[in-house]
PDB file of N, CA and C in Angstrom:
ATOM      1  N   MET A   1      46.648 102.595 -48.167  1.00  0.00           N
ATOM      2  CA  MET A   1      46.301 102.980 -46.829  1.00  0.00           C
ATOM      3  C   MET A   1      44.867 103.477 -46.711  1.00  0.00           C
ATOM      4  N   GLY A   2      44.278 103.837 -47.847  1.00  0.00           N
ATOM      5  CA  GLY A   2      42.900 104.294 -47.856  1.00  0.00           C
ATOM      6  C   GLY A   2      42.454 104.526 -49.286  1.00  0.00           C
ATOM      7  N   SER A   3      41.159 104.587 -49.521  1.00  0.00           N
ATOM      8  CA  SER A   3      40.613 104.815 -50.856  1.00  0.00           C
ATOM      9  C   SER A   3      39.473 105.816 -50.769  1.00  0.00           C
ATOM     10  N   PHE A   4      39.362 106.647 -51.808  1.00  0.00           N
ATOM     11  CA  PHE A   4      38.237 107.567 -51.888  1.00  0.00           C
ATOM     12  C   PHE A   4      37.004 106.818 -52.351  1.00  0.00           C
ATOM     13  N   THR A   5      35.853 107.216 -51.835  1.00  0.00           N
ATOM     14  CA  THR A   5      34.612 106.698 -52.369  1.00  0.00           C
ATOM     15  C   THR A   5      34.396 107.384 -53.713  1.00  0.00           C
ATOM     16  N   SER A   6      33.789 106.713 -54.635  1.00  0.00           N
ATOM     17  CA  SER A   6      33.673 107.271 -55.985  1.00  0.00           C
ATOM     18  C   SER A   6      32.300 106.986 -56.540  1.00  0.00           C
ATOM     19  N   PRO A   7      31.673 107.926 -57.194  1.00  0.00           N
ATOM     20  CA  PRO A   7      31.968 109.358 -57.165  1.00  0.00           C
ATOM     21  C   PRO A   7      31.407 109.963 -55.890  1.00  0.00           C
ATOM     22  N   PRO A   8      31.913 111.135 -55.501  1.00  0.00           N
ATOM     23  CA  PRO A   8      31.382 111.731 -54.271  1.00  0.00           C
ATOM     24  C   PRO A   8      29.953 112.200 -54.488  1.00  0.00           C
ATOM     25  N   SER A   9      29.054 111.835 -53.603  1.00  0.00           N
ATOM     26  CA  SER A   9      27.648 112.207 -53.767  1.00  0.00           C
ATOM     27  C   SER A   9      27.368 113.627 -53.284  1.00  0.00           C
ATOM     28  N   SER A  10      28.176 114.115 -52.368  1.00  0.00           N
ATOM     29  CA  SER A  10      27.916 115.435 -51.792  1.00  0.00           C
ATOM     30  C   SER A  10      28.940 116.478 -52.216  1.00  0.00           C
ATOM     31  N   GLY A  11      29.824 116.123 -53.160  1.00  0.00           N
ATOM     32  CA  GLY A  11      30.876 117.031 -53.571  1.00  0.00           C
ATOM     33  C   GLY A  11      32.132 116.897 -52.716  1.00  0.00           C
ATOM     34  N   TRP A  12      32.084 116.069 -51.694  1.00  0.00           N
ATOM     35  CA  TRP A  12      33.226 115.838 -50.822  1.00  0.00           C
ATOM     36  C   TRP A  12      33.776 114.448 -51.072  1.00  0.00           C
ATOM     37  N   TYR A  13      35.083 114.366 -51.170  1.00  0.00           N
ATOM     38  CA  TYR A  13      35.729 113.052 -51.233  1.00  0.00           C
ATOM     39  C   TYR A  13      35.977 112.583 -49.810  1.00  0.00           C
ATOM     40  N   ARG A  14      35.836 111.298 -49.604  1.00  0.00           N
ATOM     41  CA  ARG A  14      35.988 110.746 -48.265  1.00  0.00           C
ATOM     42  C   ARG A  14      36.857 109.503 -48.351  1.00  0.00           C
ATOM     43  N   ALA A  15      37.792 109.376 -47.431  1.00  0.00           N
ATOM     44  CA  ALA A  15      38.634 108.184 -47.367  1.00  0.00           C
ATOM     45  C   ALA A  15      38.781 107.781 -45.904  1.00  0.00           C
ATOM     46  N   ILE A  16      38.582 106.521 -45.651  1.00  0.00           N
ATOM     47  CA  ILE A  16      38.828 105.992 -44.317  1.00  0.00           C
ATOM     48  C   ILE A  16      40.226 105.402 -44.351  1.00  0.00           C
ATOM     49  N   LEU A  17      41.097 105.916 -43.492  1.00  0.00           N
ATOM     50  CA  LEU A  17      42.486 105.488 -43.500  1.00  0.00           C
ATOM     51  C   LEU A  17      42.691 104.266 -42.621  1.00  0.00           C
ATOM     52  N   ASP A  18      43.593 103.424 -43.057  1.00  0.00           N
ATOM     53  CA  ASP A  18      43.998 102.255 -42.292  1.00  0.00           C
ATOM     54  C   ASP A  18      44.651 102.739 -40.989  1.00  0.00           C
ATOM     55  N   PRO A  19      44.315 102.171 -39.847  1.00  0.00           N
ATOM     56  CA  PRO A  19      44.921 102.606 -38.581  1.00  0.00           C
ATOM     57  C   PRO A  19      46.449 102.513 -38.575  1.00  0.00           C
ATOM     58  N   ALA A  20      47.031 101.729 -39.464  1.00  0.00           N
ATOM     59  CA  ALA A  20      48.493 101.606 -39.533  1.00  0.00           C
ATOM     60  C   ALA A  20      49.162 102.937 -39.870  1.00  0.00           C
ATOM     61  N   VAL A  21      48.434 103.875 -40.509  1.00  0.00           N
ATOM     62  CA  VAL A  21      49.043 105.160 -40.864  1.00  0.00           C
ATOM     63  C   VAL A  21      49.210 106.072 -39.651  1.00  0.00           C
ATOM     64  N   ASN A  22      48.559 105.781 -38.543  1.00  0.00           N
ATOM     65  CA  ASN A  22      48.661 106.642 -37.362  1.00  0.00           C
ATOM     66  C   ASN A  22      50.108 106.830 -36.912  1.00  0.00           C
ATOM     67  N   ALA A  23      50.921 105.806 -37.030  1.00  0.00           N
ATOM     68  CA  ALA A  23      52.321 105.890 -36.613  1.00  0.00           C
ATOM     69  C   ALA A  23      53.120 106.823 -37.513  1.00  0.00           C
ATOM     70  N   ASP A  24      52.639 107.081 -38.732  1.00  0.00           N
ATOM     71  CA  ASP A  24      53.356 107.934 -39.683  1.00  0.00           C
ATOM     72  C   ASP A  24      52.954 109.408 -39.605  1.00  0.00           C
ATOM     73  N   ILE A  25      51.987 109.748 -38.795  1.00  0.00           N
ATOM     74  CA  ILE A  25      51.554 111.143 -38.684  1.00  0.00           C
ATOM     75  C   ILE A  25      52.560 111.908 -37.833  1.00  0.00           C
ATOM     76  N   HIS A  26      53.086 112.981 -38.407  1.00  0.00           N
ATOM     77  CA  HIS A  26      54.093 113.805 -37.726  1.00  0.00           C
ATOM     78  C   HIS A  26      53.373 114.859 -36.888  1.00  0.00           C
ATOM     79  N   LEU A  27      53.325 114.654 -35.585  1.00  0.00           N
ATOM     80  CA  LEU A  27      52.570 115.542 -34.700  1.00  0.00           C
ATOM     81  C   LEU A  27      53.207 116.918 -34.554  1.00  0.00           C
ATOM     82  N   GLY A  28      54.496 117.045 -34.865  1.00  0.00           N
ATOM     83  CA  GLY A  28      55.170 118.321 -34.706  1.00  0.00           C
ATOM     84  C   GLY A  28      55.317 119.112 -35.987  1.00  0.00           C
ATOM     85  N   GLY A  29      54.700 118.653 -37.074  1.00  0.00           N
ATOM     86  CA  GLY A  29      54.857 119.354 -38.345  1.00  0.00           C
ATOM     87  C   GLY A  29      53.906 118.827 -39.395  1.00  0.00           C
ATOM     88  N   LEU A  30      54.376 118.857 -40.629  1.00  0.00           N
ATOM     89  CA  LEU A  30      53.548 118.445 -41.765  1.00  0.00           C
ATOM     90  C   LEU A  30      53.647 116.942 -42.010  1.00  0.00           C
ATOM     91  N   THR A  31      52.561 116.371 -42.472  1.00  0.00           N
ATOM     92  CA  THR A  31      52.538 114.971 -42.892  1.00  0.00           C
ATOM     93  C   THR A  31      52.071 114.937 -44.337  1.00  0.00           C
ATOM     94  N   PRO A  32      52.943 114.548 -45.276  1.00  0.00           N
ATOM     95  CA  PRO A  32      52.523 114.515 -46.682  1.00  0.00           C
ATOM     96  C   PRO A  32      51.664 113.286 -46.980  1.00  0.00           C
ATOM     97  N   TYR A  33      50.701 113.480 -47.851  1.00  0.00           N
ATOM     98  CA  TYR A  33      49.904 112.376 -48.369  1.00  0.00           C
ATOM     99  C   TYR A  33      50.102 112.334 -49.866  1.00  0.00           C
ATOM    100  N   ARG A  34      50.267 111.165 -50.409  1.00  0.00           N
ATOM    101  CA  ARG A  34      50.432 111.008 -51.848  1.00  0.00           C
ATOM    102  C   ARG A  34      49.212 110.289 -52.398  1.00  0.00           C
ATOM    103  N   LEU A  35      48.746 110.776 -53.523  1.00  0.00           N
ATOM    104  CA  LEU A  35      47.543 110.217 -54.143  1.00  0.00           C
ATOM    105  C   LEU A  35      47.899 109.620 -55.487  1.00  0.00           C
ATOM    106  N   ARG A  36      47.183 108.580 -55.864  1.00  0.00           N
ATOM    107  CA  ARG A  36      47.348 108.006 -57.194  1.00  0.00           C
ATOM    108  C   ARG A  36      46.024 107.381 -57.616  1.00  0.00           C
ATOM    109  N   PHE A  37      45.886 107.242 -58.937  1.00  0.00           N
ATOM    110  CA  PHE A  37      44.703 106.571 -59.466  1.00  0.00           C
ATOM    111  C   PHE A  37      44.893 105.060 -59.341  1.00  0.00           C
ATOM    112  N   LYS A  38      43.807 104.354 -59.167  1.00  0.00           N
ATOM    113  CA  LYS A  38      43.874 102.898 -59.096  1.00  0.00           C
ATOM    114  C   LYS A  38      44.322 102.334 -60.443  1.00  0.00           C
ATOM    115  N   LEU A  39      43.799 102.898 -61.522  1.00  0.00           N
ATOM    116  CA  LEU A  39      44.210 102.519 -62.871  1.00  0.00           C
ATOM    117  C   LEU A  39      45.038 103.645 -63.464  1.00  0.00           C
ATOM    118  N   ASP A  40      46.105 103.318 -64.182  1.00  0.00           N
ATOM    119  CA  ASP A  40      46.912 104.371 -64.796  1.00  0.00           C
ATOM    120  C   ASP A  40      46.209 105.026 -65.968  1.00  0.00           C
ATOM    121  N   ASP A  41      45.288 104.316 -66.611  1.00  0.00           N
ATOM    122  CA  ASP A  41      44.556 104.846 -67.759  1.00  0.00           C
ATOM    123  C   ASP A  41      43.333 103.956 -67.983  1.00  0.00           C
ATOM    124  N   ASP A  42      42.181 104.580 -68.216  1.00  0.00           N
ATOM    125  CA  ASP A  42      40.982 103.779 -68.461  1.00  0.00           C
ATOM    126  C   ASP A  42      40.660 103.661 -69.948  1.00  0.00           C
ATOM    127  N   ASN A  43      41.598 104.094 -70.793  1.00  0.00           N
ATOM    128  CA  ASN A  43      41.523 103.920 -72.255  1.00  0.00           C
ATOM    129  C   ASN A  43      40.310 104.576 -72.907  1.00  0.00           C
ATOM    130  N   ASN A  44      39.851 105.697 -72.367  1.00  0.00           N
ATOM    131  CA  ASN A  44      38.725 106.382 -72.999  1.00  0.00           C
ATOM    132  C   ASN A  44      39.176 107.649 -73.738  1.00  0.00           C
ATOM    133  N   ASN A  45      40.493 107.854 -73.864  1.00  0.00           N
ATOM    134  CA  ASN A  45      41.077 108.995 -74.570  1.00  0.00           C
ATOM    135  C   ASN A  45      40.689 110.342 -73.956  1.00  0.00           C
ATOM    136  N   VAL A  46      40.385 110.358 -72.685  1.00  0.00           N
ATOM    137  CA  VAL A  46      40.081 111.587 -71.956  1.00  0.00           C
ATOM    138  C   VAL A  46      41.051 111.666 -70.777  1.00  0.00           C
ATOM    139  N   ALA A  47      41.603 112.849 -70.551  1.00  0.00           N
ATOM    140  CA  ALA A  47      42.549 113.018 -69.450  1.00  0.00           C
ATOM    141  C   ALA A  47      41.887 112.683 -68.117  1.00  0.00           C
ATOM    142  N   ASP A  48      42.586 111.937 -67.286  1.00  0.00           N
ATOM    143  CA  ASP A  48      42.112 111.585 -65.953  1.00  0.00           C
ATOM    144  C   ASP A  48      42.845 112.461 -64.942  1.00  0.00           C
ATOM    145  N   TYR A  49      42.117 113.305 -64.237  1.00  0.00           N
ATOM    146  CA  TYR A  49      42.739 114.170 -63.242  1.00  0.00           C
ATOM    147  C   TYR A  49      41.717 114.571 -62.194  1.00  0.00           C
ATOM    148  N   ILE A  50      42.227 115.050 -61.101  1.00  0.00           N
ATOM    149  CA  ILE A  50      41.408 115.596 -60.033  1.00  0.00           C
ATOM    150  C   ILE A  50      42.211 116.729 -59.409  1.00  0.00           C
ATOM    151  N   LYS A  51      41.565 117.782 -58.988  1.00  0.00           N
ATOM    152  CA  LYS A  51      42.255 118.927 -58.407  1.00  0.00           C
ATOM    153  C   LYS A  51      42.096 118.935 -56.885  1.00  0.00           C
ATOM    154  N   PHE A  52      43.210 119.105 -56.214  1.00  0.00           N
ATOM    155  CA  PHE A  52      43.228 119.342 -54.775  1.00  0.00           C
ATOM    156  C   PHE A  52      44.048 120.598 -54.556  1.00  0.00           C
ATOM    157  N   PHE A  53      43.657 121.420 -53.629  1.00  0.00           N
ATOM    158  CA  PHE A  53      44.326 122.691 -53.399  1.00  0.00           C
ATOM    159  C   PHE A  53      45.084 122.671 -52.073  1.00  0.00           C
ATOM    160  N   ARG A  54      46.064 123.556 -51.965  1.00  0.00           N
ATOM    161  CA  ARG A  54      46.885 123.660 -50.770  1.00  0.00           C
ATOM    162  C   ARG A  54      46.091 124.259 -49.615  1.00  0.00           C
ATOM    163  N   GLY A  55      46.561 124.002 -48.409  1.00  0.00           N
ATOM    164  CA  GLY A  55      45.913 124.541 -47.223  1.00  0.00           C
ATOM    165  C   GLY A  55      45.994 126.053 -47.117  1.00  0.00           C
ATOM    166  N   ASP A  56      46.944 126.672 -47.830  1.00  0.00           N
ATOM    167  CA  ASP A  56      47.060 128.131 -47.803  1.00  0.00           C
ATOM    168  C   ASP A  56      46.626 128.756 -49.129  1.00  0.00           C
ATOM    169  N   TYR A  57      45.811 128.030 -49.901  1.00  0.00           N
ATOM    170  CA  TYR A  57      45.330 128.536 -51.184  1.00  0.00           C
ATOM    171  C   TYR A  57      44.548 129.837 -50.971  1.00  0.00           C
ATOM    172  N   ALA A  58      44.658 130.769 -51.920  1.00  0.00           N
ATOM    173  CA  ALA A  58      44.051 132.093 -51.776  1.00  0.00           C
ATOM    174  C   ALA A  58      42.540 132.046 -51.572  1.00  0.00           C
ATOM    175  N   THR A  59      41.843 131.157 -52.258  1.00  0.00           N
ATOM    176  CA  THR A  59      40.392 131.033 -52.110  1.00  0.00           C
ATOM    177  C   THR A  59      40.107 130.046 -50.983  1.00  0.00           C
ATOM    178  N   ALA A  60      39.663 130.558 -49.867  1.00  0.00           N
ATOM    179  CA  ALA A  60      39.495 129.735 -48.666  1.00  0.00           C
ATOM    180  C   ALA A  60      38.553 128.552 -48.882  1.00  0.00           C
ATOM    181  N   SER A  61      37.517 128.714 -49.691  1.00  0.00           N
ATOM    182  CA  SER A  61      36.555 127.622 -49.892  1.00  0.00           C
ATOM    183  C   SER A  61      37.156 126.453 -50.671  1.00  0.00           C
ATOM    184  N   TYR A  62      38.303 126.644 -51.329  1.00  0.00           N
ATOM    185  CA  TYR A  62      38.973 125.562 -52.069  1.00  0.00           C
ATOM    186  C   TYR A  62      39.980 124.808 -51.206  1.00  0.00           C
ATOM    187  N   ARG A  63      40.272 125.310 -50.031  1.00  0.00           N
ATOM    188  CA  ARG A  63      41.269 124.682 -49.173  1.00  0.00           C
ATOM    189  C   ARG A  63      40.755 123.346 -48.641  1.00  0.00           C
ATOM    190  N   PRO A  64      41.646 122.373 -48.483  1.00  0.00           N
ATOM    191  CA  PRO A  64      41.204 121.080 -47.949  1.00  0.00           C
ATOM    192  C   PRO A  64      40.800 121.199 -46.486  1.00  0.00           C
ATOM    193  N   VAL A  65      39.920 120.316 -46.074  1.00  0.00           N
ATOM    194  CA  VAL A  65      39.456 120.258 -44.695  1.00  0.00           C
ATOM    195  C   VAL A  65      39.675 118.836 -44.207  1.00  0.00           C
ATOM    196  N   LEU A  66      40.335 118.697 -43.104  1.00  0.00           N
ATOM    197  CA  LEU A  66      40.508 117.392 -42.484  1.00  0.00           C
ATOM    198  C   LEU A  66      39.509 117.300 -41.345  1.00  0.00           C
ATOM    199  N   THR A  67      38.587 116.357 -41.451  1.00  0.00           N
ATOM    200  CA  THR A  67      37.585 116.148 -40.416  1.00  0.00           C
ATOM    201  C   THR A  67      37.893 114.825 -39.731  1.00  0.00           C
ATOM    202  N   ILE A  68      38.067 114.878 -38.448  1.00  0.00           N
ATOM    203  CA  ILE A  68      38.369 113.665 -37.684  1.00  0.00           C
ATOM    204  C   ILE A  68      37.166 113.341 -36.820  1.00  0.00           C
ATOM    205  N   GLN A  69      36.672 112.132 -36.960  1.00  0.00           N
ATOM    206  CA  GLN A  69      35.566 111.680 -36.124  1.00  0.00           C
ATOM    207  C   GLN A  69      36.099 110.595 -35.200  1.00  0.00           C
ATOM    208  N   TYR A  70      35.762 110.685 -33.951  1.00  0.00           N
ATOM    209  CA  TYR A  70      36.171 109.651 -33.013  1.00  0.00           C
ATOM    210  C   TYR A  70      35.006 109.354 -32.080  1.00  0.00           C
ATOM    211  N   TYR A  71      35.059 108.193 -31.493  1.00  0.00           N
ATOM    212  CA  TYR A  71      33.992 107.754 -30.617  1.00  0.00           C
ATOM    213  C   TYR A  71      34.596 107.304 -29.293  1.00  0.00           C
ATOM    214  N   VAL A  72      33.932 107.634 -28.211  1.00  0.00           N
ATOM    215  CA  VAL A  72      34.351 107.199 -26.892  1.00  0.00           C
ATOM    216  C   VAL A  72      33.410 106.077 -26.485  1.00  0.00           C
ATOM    217  N   ALA A  73      33.986 104.943 -26.175  1.00  0.00           N
ATOM    218  CA  ALA A  73      33.172 103.804 -25.761  1.00  0.00           C
ATOM    219  C   ALA A  73      32.519 104.114 -24.415  1.00  0.00           C
ATOM    220  N   SER A  74      31.332 103.577 -24.205  1.00  0.00           N
ATOM    221  CA  SER A  74      30.681 103.788 -22.908  1.00  0.00           C
ATOM    222  C   SER A  74      31.471 103.043 -21.837  1.00  0.00           C
ATOM    223  N   MET A  75      31.438 103.563 -20.628  1.00  0.00           N
ATOM    224  CA  MET A  75      32.182 102.931 -19.546  1.00  0.00           C
ATOM    225  C   MET A  75      31.388 103.049 -18.254  1.00  0.00           C
ATOM    226  N   GLU A  76      31.688 102.186 -17.340  1.00  0.00           N
ATOM    227  CA  GLU A  76      31.052 102.209 -16.031  1.00  0.00           C
ATOM    228  C   GLU A  76      31.909 103.036 -15.089  1.00  0.00           C
ATOM    229  N   ILE A  77      31.276 103.982 -14.373  1.00  0.00           N
ATOM    230  CA  ILE A  77      32.014 104.763 -13.376  1.00  0.00           C
ATOM    231  C   ILE A  77      31.231 104.752 -12.069  1.00  0.00           C
ATOM    232  N   PRO A  78      31.955 104.752 -10.963  1.00  0.00           N
ATOM    233  CA  PRO A  78      31.240 104.788  -9.673  1.00  0.00           C
ATOM    234  C   PRO A  78      30.711 106.193  -9.396  1.00  0.00           C
ATOM    235  N   THR A  79      29.572 106.261  -8.724  1.00  0.00           N
ATOM    236  CA  THR A  79      29.050 107.565  -8.308  1.00  0.00           C
ATOM    237  C   THR A  79      29.227 107.706  -6.806  1.00  0.00           C
ATOM    238  N   VAL A  80      29.408 108.925  -6.367  1.00  0.00           N
ATOM    239  CA  VAL A  80      29.671 109.180  -4.954  1.00  0.00           C
ATOM    240  C   VAL A  80      28.384 109.094  -4.137  1.00  0.00           C
ATOM    241  N   ASP A  81      27.272 109.577  -4.672  1.00  0.00           N
ATOM    242  CA  ASP A  81      26.048 109.682  -3.886  1.00  0.00           C
ATOM    243  C   ASP A  81      25.412 108.346  -3.511  1.00  0.00           C
ATOM    244  N   ASP A  82      25.428 107.358  -4.413  1.00  0.00           N
ATOM    245  CA  ASP A  82      24.753 106.105  -4.052  1.00  0.00           C
ATOM    246  C   ASP A  82      25.689 104.900  -4.084  1.00  0.00           C
ATOM    247  N   GLY A  83      26.964 105.108  -4.451  1.00  0.00           N
ATOM    248  CA  GLY A  83      27.918 104.012  -4.449  1.00  0.00           C
ATOM    249  C   GLY A  83      27.717 103.012  -5.575  1.00  0.00           C
ATOM    250  N   GLY A  84      26.699 103.258  -6.409  1.00  0.00           N
ATOM    251  CA  GLY A  84      26.460 102.349  -7.530  1.00  0.00           C
ATOM    252  C   GLY A  84      27.260 102.749  -8.753  1.00  0.00           C
ATOM    253  N   LYS A  85      26.929 102.131  -9.838  1.00  0.00           N
ATOM    254  CA  LYS A  85      27.611 102.455 -11.078  1.00  0.00           C
ATOM    255  C   LYS A  85      26.582 102.901 -12.105  1.00  0.00           C
ATOM    256  N   LYS A  86      26.974 103.871 -12.892  1.00  0.00           N
ATOM    257  CA  LYS A  86      26.120 104.345 -13.964  1.00  0.00           C
ATOM    258  C   LYS A  86      26.906 104.275 -15.268  1.00  0.00           C
ATOM    259  N   SER A  87      26.194 104.107 -16.336  1.00  0.00           N
ATOM    260  CA  SER A  87      26.842 104.009 -17.648  1.00  0.00           C
ATOM    261  C   SER A  87      26.889 105.380 -18.297  1.00  0.00           C
ATOM    262  N   ILE A  88      28.031 105.704 -18.862  1.00  0.00           N
ATOM    263  CA  ILE A  88      28.189 106.951 -19.632  1.00  0.00           C
ATOM    264  C   ILE A  88      28.220 106.573 -21.094  1.00  0.00           C
ATOM    265  N   GLU A  89      27.482 107.288 -21.922  1.00  0.00           N
ATOM    266  CA  GLU A  89      27.501 107.034 -23.364  1.00  0.00           C
ATOM    267  C   GLU A  89      27.771 108.303 -24.094  1.00  0.00           C
TER     268      GLU A  89
END
């Protein structure tokens, strides 16, 4: 449904989710997300792991942040004063 960019350049992991997941978001409660590695093992004899913390973790700076960006398309609307149309962006 989505993939993290690797490695994160700013210390933040980012994933763009497939719009198909929108139907699975529980608006009245929690929505679990499950993560997995693309490869089960890269054969370098080093443990592969990443840490994510709970939303109520004691150290606030370690808590996950969900940032949603959306865009409103420009549209034509009539104006009362001149009867013409102006574009909103």
